[in-house]
Amino acid sequence: MVYPQALLDALAQNPDALAFEHGSRRLTRGEVLDLIGRFVAGLRAAGVSQGDGVGLATGVTPEGWAALIAAQVLGCRAVGVRAGLPEEHLRAVVGDLAVVVTDSSFPGTSVESLLSAPFEEPVPCGRPEDIGWVVFTSGSTGLPKGVAYSFGALTAQGIEHRASESPADLADRYRRFLLFGTLTSAVMITHLRSCLLAGGTVVIPAELPDFPEILPRLDITAALTTVPRLYRILDVLRTSEVDLSGVRMLMVAGSPVAPGLMAEAFSRVGPGMQQAYGQTEAGKLAVLTPDDVAAFPSSLGSVGRPLAGVSISVRSSSGDAVPDGVSGEIFVRTPGQFSGYWANPSSTSSVLVDGWVRTQDIGHFDADGFLHLTGRTRDVVIVNAVIHYTGPIERALAEDPSVDQAYVVAVPDEATGERAEAFVVAAPGQAPDLAALRAVVAGFVGEVAASVKVIDEVPVAASGKPDKAALLG
């Protein structure tokens, strides 16, 4: 059985059940299956064939998702096209696509024209080794990279869960999943798929979600959040009563989460609160729940235990596995991990090592099997779940004639997850304008996430290299 056959089977199994709520619209599973079949016929009539790339530049709609699945039924490479991409990035994303499906003013083939075709029974024809989905990174350090999944990997992904979870648990969790933001998000699409496979309903709000009130108002049982949004949720819960007893999963991911914040979130949100650790290249890897912390108080501050089917290896710089309690670089292996970066073999070879995905995160396991993250091999600042590499910021600061050296480090921040704290050494005889330099940093990460300090000299590590960690000491 090749992807997306399991999804098609799940839709056909109970055709009268509700699949999507989109504002006031209601679509049954049978109606969604009909959409997919008409998109299959429409794409075929547009000249699309197996192995082609199909771009999806649509809003968050049932039609947008159905078009994605139809492209994969045809054995095509489905590619999400984010709105507002710079022209250079857009060329990199759509350059080799056969067609772009759109429901807006974006140039391409309209949803309406494709849906005018008669229904064709959707029969997946992708081969396990072919690429069926490409998710592009933000391109914060250059051109975006396409994280490519094979049909074999997509088939293996299924529903990400803990080994202890039963089908009934999953059905209860995904009874009503809140979908918002963008269909170019790997994590959103993954949970959407899990919801439909588990028999649930995908709920798309008519307007931007107002957390946390939207959860009880729309009877949401599963939703995703970023760290900054979680802070806003807690701000509300500190002063208002919001009934979250129906929430089975409110998952926070995308940025480091301070232990104190997670403790408060577990307390105020309740048993449905979860912290997840994952990567686009490998999917969801580990989860921490309130039950974990109740049973193992020292697990607070960890990212939880690995999910079913996930292998995690912590290794030294020489590539050897290290014992519990010793930090090293985290390597992961999952049945549904990516095949490589689309048309980028050099980046692929630096991350895929003997079948393992090099996360470039540093951490360790404790004696109870919980994974603790302690740093990154990458110099990045994650602001509002968006990765910003520090190198370009440092170079921009150093272009100021009053600056001799510039270093940028990530600092935890309640409002944004992390902020960029820049340290500059003044050029001889110069007095840097801190306001101007802060504006430079803000141009990368935003005003509220930028700060600049002047130092006399940068600390030096034993290796002779600048010791960024010591700047915060």
Protein backbone atom coordinates (compact mmCIF):
# COMPACT_ATOMS: atom_id res chain seq x y z
CA MET A 1 0.00 0.00 0.00
CA VAL A 2 1.60 3.28 -1.16
CA TYR A 3 0.73 6.74 0.10
CA PRO A 4 -1.88 8.20 0.09
CA GLN A 5 -3.88 4.96 -0.11
CA ALA A 6 -4.41 4.78 3.69
CA LEU A 7 -5.94 8.27 3.66
CA LEU A 8 -8.22 7.41 0.74
CA ASP A 9 -9.31 4.26 2.54
CA ALA A 10 -10.02 6.22 5.74
CA LEU A 11 -12.18 8.69 3.82
CA ALA A 12 -14.07 5.93 1.98
CA GLN A 13 -14.64 3.87 5.10
CA ASN A 14 -17.09 6.33 6.62
CA PRO A 15 -18.20 8.65 3.79
CA ASP A 16 -21.00 10.35 5.73
CA ALA A 17 -18.80 11.38 8.66
CA LEU A 18 -17.63 14.98 8.91
CA ALA A 19 -14.10 15.55 7.55
CA PHE A 20 -13.78 19.36 7.50
CA GLU A 21 -15.47 22.32 9.13
CA HIS A 22 -14.40 25.46 7.28
CA GLY A 23 -16.13 28.36 8.93
CA SER A 24 -19.81 27.66 8.27
CA ARG A 25 -19.05 25.01 5.63
CA ARG A 26 -19.33 21.31 6.39
CA LEU A 27 -17.73 18.66 4.16
CA THR A 28 -18.16 14.95 4.68
CA ARG A 29 -15.44 12.43 4.01
CA GLY A 30 -17.25 11.33 0.88
CA GLU A 31 -17.33 14.92 -0.40
CA VAL A 32 -13.61 15.35 0.25
CA LEU A 33 -12.92 12.11 -1.60
CA ASP A 34 -14.94 13.52 -4.51
CA LEU A 35 -12.78 16.69 -4.45
CA ILE A 36 -9.63 14.60 -4.63
CA GLY A 37 -10.97 12.59 -7.59
CA ARG A 38 -11.92 15.73 -9.51
CA PHE A 39 -8.52 17.27 -8.83
CA VAL A 40 -6.88 14.08 -10.10
CA ALA A 41 -8.83 14.36 -13.35
CA GLY A 42 -8.21 18.11 -13.61
CA LEU A 43 -4.46 17.81 -13.09
CA ARG A 44 -4.25 14.97 -15.59
CA ALA A 45 -6.18 17.07 -18.14
CA ALA A 46 -3.72 19.91 -17.48
CA GLY A 47 -0.92 17.65 -18.66
CA VAL A 48 0.46 16.65 -15.28
CA SER A 49 1.97 13.17 -15.13
CA GLN A 50 3.86 10.93 -12.73
CA GLY A 51 7.13 12.45 -11.50
CA ASP A 52 6.15 16.06 -12.21
CA GLY A 53 6.29 18.77 -9.59
CA VAL A 54 2.97 20.35 -8.58
CA GLY A 55 2.97 23.58 -6.58
CA LEU A 56 0.18 24.37 -4.10
CA ALA A 57 -0.32 28.11 -3.59
CA THR A 58 -3.69 28.05 -1.85
CA GLY A 59 -5.21 29.24 1.35
CA VAL A 60 -5.99 26.96 4.27
CA THR A 61 -8.99 25.25 2.72
CA PRO A 62 -10.28 21.71 2.20
CA GLU A 63 -9.72 22.27 -1.54
CA GLY A 64 -6.08 23.20 -0.99
CA TRP A 65 -5.45 19.99 0.94
CA ALA A 66 -7.42 17.89 -1.55
CA ALA A 67 -5.32 19.28 -4.40
CA LEU A 68 -2.14 18.30 -2.55
CA ILE A 69 -3.40 14.75 -2.07
CA ALA A 70 -4.51 14.55 -5.73
CA ALA A 71 -1.01 15.49 -6.87
CA GLN A 72 0.40 12.70 -4.73
CA VAL A 73 -2.18 10.24 -6.08
CA LEU A 74 -0.75 10.94 -9.53
CA GLY A 75 2.75 10.15 -8.26
CA CYS A 76 3.79 13.80 -8.40
CA ARG A 77 6.03 15.84 -6.16
CA ALA A 78 3.71 18.12 -4.16
CA VAL A 79 5.34 21.42 -3.19
CA GLY A 80 3.79 24.04 -0.92
CA VAL A 81 4.33 27.63 -2.09
CA ARG A 82 4.29 30.12 0.77
CA ALA A 83 2.75 33.54 0.27
CA GLY A 84 5.04 36.57 0.29
CA LEU A 85 8.26 34.85 -0.78
CA PRO A 86 11.01 37.14 -2.11
CA GLU A 87 11.32 36.82 -5.88
CA GLU A 88 14.62 34.95 -5.70
CA HIS A 89 13.21 32.45 -3.21
CA LEU A 90 10.04 32.05 -5.26
CA ARG A 91 12.08 31.16 -8.34
CA ALA A 92 13.93 28.52 -6.35
CA VAL A 93 10.67 26.95 -5.15
CA VAL A 94 8.63 26.96 -8.38
CA GLY A 95 11.40 26.82 -10.96
CA ASP A 96 10.96 23.17 -12.01
CA LEU A 97 7.24 22.71 -11.32
CA ALA A 98 4.88 21.57 -14.08
CA VAL A 99 1.95 23.53 -12.67
CA VAL A 100 1.01 25.68 -9.66
CA VAL A 101 -2.49 25.28 -8.24
CA THR A 102 -3.85 28.54 -6.85
CA ASP A 103 -7.04 30.05 -5.43
CA SER A 104 -5.76 33.63 -5.38
CA SER A 105 -4.15 36.18 -7.67
CA PHE A 106 -0.95 34.12 -7.68
CA PRO A 107 -0.20 33.08 -11.29
CA GLY A 108 -1.09 29.47 -11.93
CA THR A 109 -3.92 27.05 -12.59
CA SER A 110 -7.05 27.89 -10.62
CA VAL A 111 -8.77 25.53 -8.22
CA GLU A 112 -12.05 26.25 -10.01
CA SER A 113 -10.79 25.17 -13.43
CA LEU A 114 -9.36 21.93 -12.07
CA LEU A 115 -12.55 21.07 -10.20
CA SER A 116 -14.60 21.43 -13.38
CA ALA A 117 -13.26 18.02 -14.49
CA PRO A 118 -15.41 14.91 -13.96
CA PHE A 119 -14.56 12.62 -11.05
CA GLU A 120 -11.79 10.07 -11.57
CA GLU A 121 -11.29 7.25 -9.09
CA PRO A 122 -8.09 8.15 -7.25
CA VAL A 123 -5.62 5.27 -7.56
CA PRO A 124 -2.14 6.05 -6.17
CA CYS A 125 0.62 5.40 -8.69
CA GLY A 126 3.69 6.73 -6.89
CA ARG A 127 6.62 4.38 -6.38
CA PRO A 128 8.08 4.07 -2.85
CA GLU A 129 11.44 5.52 -3.94
CA ASP A 130 9.93 8.55 -5.75
CA ILE A 131 9.66 11.94 -4.04
CA GLY A 132 6.07 12.75 -3.12
CA TRP A 133 6.36 15.88 -0.96
CA VAL A 134 8.86 18.73 -0.67
CA VAL A 135 8.68 21.21 2.22
CA PHE A 136 10.88 24.28 1.76
CA THR A 137 12.71 25.93 4.64
CA SER A 138 12.44 29.66 5.30
CA GLY A 139 15.67 30.49 3.48
CA SER A 140 16.89 32.75 6.28
CA THR A 141 20.53 32.16 5.31
CA GLY A 142 20.13 32.09 1.56
CA LEU A 143 17.93 30.18 -0.84
CA PRO A 144 15.38 27.90 0.85
CA LYS A 145 16.16 24.17 0.99
CA GLY A 146 13.56 21.63 -0.03
CA VAL A 147 13.09 18.85 2.52
CA ALA A 148 12.10 15.92 0.29
CA TYR A 149 10.05 12.91 1.42
CA SER A 150 9.66 9.77 -0.63
CA PHE A 151 6.32 8.02 -1.05
CA GLY A 152 7.81 5.20 1.01
CA ALA A 153 8.51 7.60 3.88
CA LEU A 154 5.04 9.13 3.63
CA THR A 155 3.53 5.64 3.73
CA ALA A 156 5.53 4.84 6.88
CA GLN A 157 4.61 8.02 8.74
CA GLY A 158 1.03 7.16 9.63
CA ILE A 159 0.01 8.64 12.99
CA GLU A 160 2.90 9.76 15.20
CA HIS A 161 2.20 8.49 18.71
CA ARG A 162 3.58 7.03 21.89
CA ALA A 163 3.83 3.29 22.16
CA SER A 164 1.37 3.35 25.09
CA GLU A 165 -1.39 5.09 23.11
CA SER A 166 -4.28 2.99 21.83
CA PRO A 167 -6.42 3.66 18.72
CA ALA A 168 -9.15 4.84 21.10
CA ASP A 169 -6.72 7.33 22.68
CA LEU A 170 -5.79 8.70 19.24
CA ALA A 171 -9.43 8.95 18.17
CA ASP A 172 -10.22 10.88 21.35
CA ARG A 173 -7.25 13.20 20.87
CA TYR A 174 -7.92 13.98 17.22
CA ARG A 175 -11.71 14.15 17.39
CA ARG A 176 -11.50 17.86 16.40
CA PHE A 177 -8.15 19.25 15.23
CA LEU A 178 -7.69 23.02 14.79
CA LEU A 179 -6.04 23.84 11.45
CA PHE A 180 -4.77 27.37 10.75
CA GLY A 181 -1.75 29.23 9.45
CA THR A 182 -0.56 27.64 6.21
CA LEU A 183 -0.68 24.39 4.26
CA THR A 184 3.07 24.72 3.63
CA SER A 185 3.77 23.74 7.25
CA ALA A 186 5.01 20.17 7.60
CA VAL A 187 3.80 19.91 11.19
CA MET A 188 0.31 21.18 10.35
CA ILE A 189 -0.07 18.80 7.41
CA THR A 190 1.23 15.91 9.52
CA HIS A 191 -1.34 16.49 12.27
CA LEU A 192 -4.10 17.07 9.70
CA ARG A 193 -3.30 13.64 8.28
CA SER A 194 -3.26 12.10 11.75
CA CYS A 195 -6.68 13.59 12.48
CA LEU A 196 -8.29 12.13 9.36
CA LEU A 197 -6.60 8.75 9.81
CA ALA A 198 -7.88 8.64 13.40
CA GLY A 199 -11.44 9.35 12.25
CA GLY A 200 -11.60 12.98 13.39
CA THR A 201 -12.72 16.31 11.98
CA VAL A 202 -10.39 19.07 10.80
CA VAL A 203 -11.69 22.46 11.96
CA ILE A 204 -10.61 25.58 10.02
CA PRO A 205 -11.74 28.78 11.77
CA ALA A 206 -13.33 31.57 9.73
CA GLU A 207 -10.92 34.09 11.30
CA LEU A 208 -7.52 34.05 12.97
CA PRO A 209 -7.77 31.95 16.14
CA ASP A 210 -8.09 33.78 19.45
CA PHE A 211 -6.25 31.51 21.87
CA PRO A 212 -7.28 30.09 24.28
CA GLU A 213 -10.96 31.04 23.95
CA ILE A 214 -11.30 29.42 20.52
CA LEU A 215 -10.58 25.97 21.95
CA PRO A 216 -13.79 25.53 23.99
CA ARG A 217 -15.84 27.67 21.58
CA LEU A 218 -15.17 25.30 18.66
CA ASP A 219 -14.93 22.20 20.88
CA ILE A 220 -11.29 21.68 19.83
CA THR A 221 -9.56 18.59 21.20
CA ALA A 222 -6.16 19.01 19.46
CA ALA A 223 -4.18 22.12 18.48
CA LEU A 224 -0.63 23.35 17.98
CA THR A 225 1.01 26.43 19.46
CA THR A 226 4.33 28.25 19.46
CA VAL A 227 6.13 29.42 22.60
CA PRO A 228 5.11 33.08 22.19
CA ARG A 229 1.49 32.08 21.69
CA LEU A 230 1.72 29.87 24.77
CA TYR A 231 2.82 32.91 26.78
CA ARG A 232 -0.25 34.79 25.56
CA ILE A 233 -2.44 31.83 26.47
CA LEU A 234 -1.02 31.84 29.98
CA ASP A 235 -1.54 35.61 30.25
CA VAL A 236 -5.25 35.00 29.66
CA LEU A 237 -5.46 32.02 31.98
CA ARG A 238 -3.86 33.97 34.84
CA THR A 239 -6.79 36.37 34.93
CA SER A 240 -9.70 34.58 33.24
CA GLU A 241 -11.49 31.27 33.55
CA VAL A 242 -11.38 29.35 30.26
CA ASP A 243 -12.68 25.78 30.28
CA LEU A 244 -9.95 23.67 28.63
CA SER A 245 -11.14 20.36 30.06
CA GLY A 246 -11.99 19.12 26.55
CA VAL A 247 -8.48 19.65 25.20
CA ARG A 248 -6.65 16.37 24.72
CA MET A 249 -3.56 17.86 23.06
CA LEU A 250 -2.24 21.41 23.07
CA MET A 251 1.24 20.86 21.70
CA VAL A 252 3.96 23.50 21.92
CA ALA A 253 6.99 23.22 19.67
CA GLY A 254 9.34 25.24 17.48
CA SER A 255 11.37 26.99 20.20
CA PRO A 256 13.08 26.06 23.45
CA VAL A 257 10.66 26.14 26.38
CA ALA A 258 11.82 27.25 29.81
CA PRO A 259 11.08 24.70 32.56
CA GLY A 260 9.18 27.27 34.61
CA LEU A 261 6.94 28.06 31.67
CA MET A 262 6.20 24.40 31.04
CA ALA A 263 5.41 23.82 34.71
CA GLU A 264 2.88 26.66 34.63
CA ALA A 265 1.44 25.48 31.31
CA PHE A 266 0.99 21.93 32.63
CA SER A 267 -0.77 23.34 35.68
CA ARG A 268 -3.06 25.86 33.97
CA VAL A 269 -3.90 24.01 30.72
CA GLY A 270 -4.16 20.58 32.27
CA PRO A 271 -3.39 17.04 31.12
CA GLY A 272 -3.72 17.90 27.41
CA MET A 273 -0.67 20.17 27.49
CA GLN A 274 2.37 18.69 25.71
CA GLN A 275 5.84 19.79 24.73
CA ALA A 276 7.20 18.27 21.52
CA TYR A 277 10.63 18.05 19.96
CA GLY A 278 11.07 17.41 16.28
CA GLN A 279 12.54 18.52 12.99
CA THR A 280 11.10 18.92 9.53
CA GLU A 281 13.67 16.42 8.27
CA ALA A 282 12.58 13.68 10.69
CA GLY A 283 9.14 14.60 12.02
CA LYS A 284 8.07 14.55 15.65
CA LEU A 285 10.67 12.81 17.79
CA ALA A 286 9.80 13.13 21.47
CA VAL A 287 6.98 14.38 23.70
CA LEU A 288 6.77 15.51 27.33
CA THR A 289 3.44 15.42 29.17
CA PRO A 290 2.19 16.40 32.65
CA ASP A 291 1.98 12.69 33.53
CA ASP A 292 5.69 12.35 32.75
CA VAL A 293 6.57 15.19 35.09
CA ALA A 294 4.27 13.88 37.83
CA ALA A 295 5.96 10.47 37.69
CA PHE A 296 9.48 11.79 37.07
CA PRO A 297 9.83 15.36 38.43
CA SER A 298 13.37 15.62 37.04
CA SER A 299 11.96 15.27 33.52
CA LEU A 300 10.75 18.88 33.67
CA GLY A 301 13.17 20.71 31.43
CA SER A 302 13.48 17.73 29.09
CA VAL A 303 11.68 17.32 25.75
CA GLY A 304 10.31 13.94 26.78
CA ARG A 305 10.83 10.38 25.63
CA PRO A 306 11.11 9.19 22.02
CA LEU A 307 7.92 8.31 20.19
CA ALA A 308 7.13 4.84 18.89
CA GLY A 309 9.41 3.96 15.98
CA VAL A 310 11.89 6.76 16.69
CA SER A 311 15.55 5.93 17.36
CA ILE A 312 17.72 8.59 19.00
CA SER A 313 21.49 8.33 19.40
CA VAL A 314 23.59 10.82 21.36
CA ARG A 315 27.15 10.86 20.01
CA SER A 316 30.51 12.36 20.78
CA SER A 317 32.43 14.48 18.27
CA SER A 318 34.12 11.27 17.08
CA GLY A 319 30.75 9.69 16.31
CA ASP A 320 30.67 7.25 19.25
CA ALA A 321 27.55 6.81 21.41
CA VAL A 322 27.87 8.44 24.83
CA PRO A 323 26.35 7.15 28.10
CA ASP A 324 23.33 8.63 29.84
CA GLY A 325 24.07 11.96 31.44
CA VAL A 326 26.79 12.86 28.95
CA SER A 327 26.00 15.45 26.30
CA GLY A 328 26.69 14.98 22.64
CA GLU A 329 25.19 15.64 19.24
CA ILE A 330 21.75 14.13 18.68
CA PHE A 331 21.26 11.81 15.71
CA VAL A 332 17.81 10.40 14.90
CA ARG A 333 16.33 7.76 12.63
CA THR A 334 12.65 7.33 11.81
CA PRO A 335 10.74 5.30 9.20
CA GLY A 336 9.28 8.50 7.77
CA GLN A 337 12.38 10.69 7.64
CA PHE A 338 13.32 12.74 4.60
CA SER A 339 15.31 11.39 1.66
CA GLY A 340 17.46 14.50 1.31
CA TYR A 341 17.30 18.12 0.24
CA TRP A 342 15.79 18.52 -3.21
CA ALA A 343 18.53 19.02 -5.84
CA ASN A 344 21.05 19.80 -3.07
CA PRO A 345 23.40 16.82 -2.58
CA SER A 346 26.01 18.75 -0.59
CA SER A 347 23.52 19.82 2.08
CA THR A 348 22.07 16.31 2.09
CA SER A 349 25.41 14.66 2.74
CA SER A 350 26.08 16.97 5.69
CA VAL A 351 22.84 15.99 7.44
CA LEU A 352 22.14 12.39 6.35
CA VAL A 353 24.88 10.17 7.78
CA ASP A 354 24.64 6.39 7.28
CA GLY A 355 20.85 6.51 7.38
CA TRP A 356 20.73 8.79 10.44
CA VAL A 357 19.60 12.42 10.49
CA ARG A 358 22.10 14.72 12.14
CA THR A 359 19.95 17.16 14.10
CA GLN A 360 22.85 19.48 14.95
CA ASP A 361 21.35 19.76 18.44
CA ILE A 362 23.30 18.97 21.59
CA GLY A 363 21.78 17.04 24.46
CA HIS A 364 21.75 13.97 26.67
CA PHE A 365 19.48 11.25 28.01
CA ASP A 366 18.86 10.95 31.73
CA ALA A 367 18.62 7.64 33.56
CA ASP A 368 14.83 7.52 33.03
CA GLY A 369 15.07 7.87 29.26
CA PHE A 370 14.14 11.54 28.94
CA LEU A 371 15.98 13.63 26.37
CA HIS A 372 17.42 16.97 27.52
CA LEU A 373 18.56 19.59 24.99
CA THR A 374 21.52 21.67 26.08
CA GLY A 375 22.51 23.59 22.97
CA ARG A 376 22.93 23.63 19.22
CA THR A 377 25.80 23.03 16.90
CA ARG A 378 24.19 25.67 14.73
CA ASP A 379 24.46 29.32 15.67
CA VAL A 380 20.84 30.37 15.39
CA VAL A 381 18.24 32.48 17.15
CA ILE A 382 14.66 31.16 17.04
CA VAL A 383 12.25 34.09 17.27
CA ASN A 384 8.54 33.29 17.17
CA ALA A 385 9.41 29.79 15.89
CA VAL A 386 11.36 31.29 12.94
CA ILE A 387 15.05 30.41 12.63
CA HIS A 388 17.49 33.30 12.13
CA TYR A 389 21.15 32.49 11.62
CA THR A 390 23.50 34.74 13.53
CA GLY A 391 26.24 34.96 10.88
CA PRO A 392 24.43 37.42 8.58
CA ILE A 393 23.49 39.59 11.58
CA GLU A 394 27.09 39.67 12.77
CA ARG A 395 28.33 40.59 9.31
CA ALA A 396 25.77 43.40 9.02
CA LEU A 397 26.85 44.82 12.38
CA ALA A 398 30.51 44.60 11.45
CA GLU A 399 29.86 46.70 8.35
CA ASP A 400 29.34 49.71 10.63
CA PRO A 401 32.66 51.62 10.70
CA SER A 402 32.39 52.07 14.46
CA VAL A 403 32.36 48.30 15.05
CA ASP A 404 35.50 46.17 15.15
CA GLN A 405 33.92 42.83 16.10
CA ALA A 406 30.34 41.61 16.44
CA TYR A 407 28.90 38.48 18.05
CA VAL A 408 25.25 37.45 18.36
CA VAL A 409 23.83 34.87 20.74
CA ALA A 410 20.36 33.56 21.49
CA VAL A 411 18.82 34.41 24.85
CA PRO A 412 15.52 32.97 26.19
CA ASP A 413 12.70 35.50 26.01
CA GLU A 414 9.17 35.19 27.40
CA ALA A 415 7.57 37.11 24.53
CA THR A 416 9.34 35.63 21.51
CA GLY A 417 10.87 32.32 22.62
CA GLU A 418 14.36 33.71 22.07
CA ARG A 419 15.87 37.10 21.34
CA ALA A 420 19.09 38.12 19.62
CA GLU A 421 21.61 39.67 22.00
CA ALA A 422 24.47 41.29 20.13
CA PHE A 423 27.86 42.10 21.63
CA VAL A 424 30.12 44.50 19.77
CA VAL A 425 33.71 45.59 20.28
CA ALA A 426 34.22 49.22 19.26
CA ALA A 427 36.69 50.13 16.57
CA PRO A 428 39.63 52.12 17.94
CA GLY A 429 38.61 55.66 18.81
CA GLN A 430 34.97 55.01 17.92
CA ALA A 431 31.76 55.19 19.99
CA PRO A 432 29.13 52.91 18.43
CA ASP A 433 25.58 54.26 18.14
CA LEU A 434 23.65 51.59 20.03
CA ALA A 435 20.28 52.70 18.69
CA ALA A 436 21.50 52.39 15.11
CA LEU A 437 23.06 48.99 15.75
CA ARG A 438 19.93 47.75 17.47
CA ALA A 439 17.97 48.77 14.38
CA VAL A 440 20.29 46.57 12.32
CA VAL A 441 19.56 43.56 14.53
CA ALA A 442 15.85 44.38 14.56
CA GLY A 443 15.86 44.30 10.77
CA PHE A 444 16.56 40.58 11.03
CA VAL A 445 14.60 39.46 14.09
CA GLY A 446 12.15 42.24 14.90
CA GLU A 447 12.26 45.17 17.31
CA VAL A 448 11.21 43.33 20.47
CA ALA A 449 13.79 40.58 19.97
CA ALA A 450 16.88 42.75 19.48
CA SER A 451 19.44 44.11 21.93
CA VAL A 452 23.04 45.35 21.67
CA LYS A 453 25.80 45.76 24.25
CA VAL A 454 29.32 47.15 23.91
CA ILE A 455 32.13 45.07 25.43
CA ASP A 456 35.86 45.67 25.73
CA GLU A 457 36.86 42.28 24.36
CA VAL A 458 35.30 38.92 23.57
CA PRO A 459 36.10 35.94 25.83
CA VAL A 460 38.27 33.27 24.22
CA ALA A 461 37.78 29.53 24.68
CA ALA A 462 40.60 27.04 25.16
CA SER A 463 40.48 26.33 21.44
CA GLY A 464 41.42 29.93 20.75
CA LYS A 465 38.03 30.66 19.24
CA PRO A 466 35.60 33.31 20.56
CA ASP A 467 33.57 31.87 23.42
CA LYS A 468 30.02 33.05 22.76
CA ALA A 469 28.61 31.15 25.73
CA ALA A 470 30.89 33.10 28.05
CA LEU A 471 29.38 36.36 26.81
CA LEU A 472 26.25 35.53 28.75
CA GLY A 473 28.12 34.56 31.89
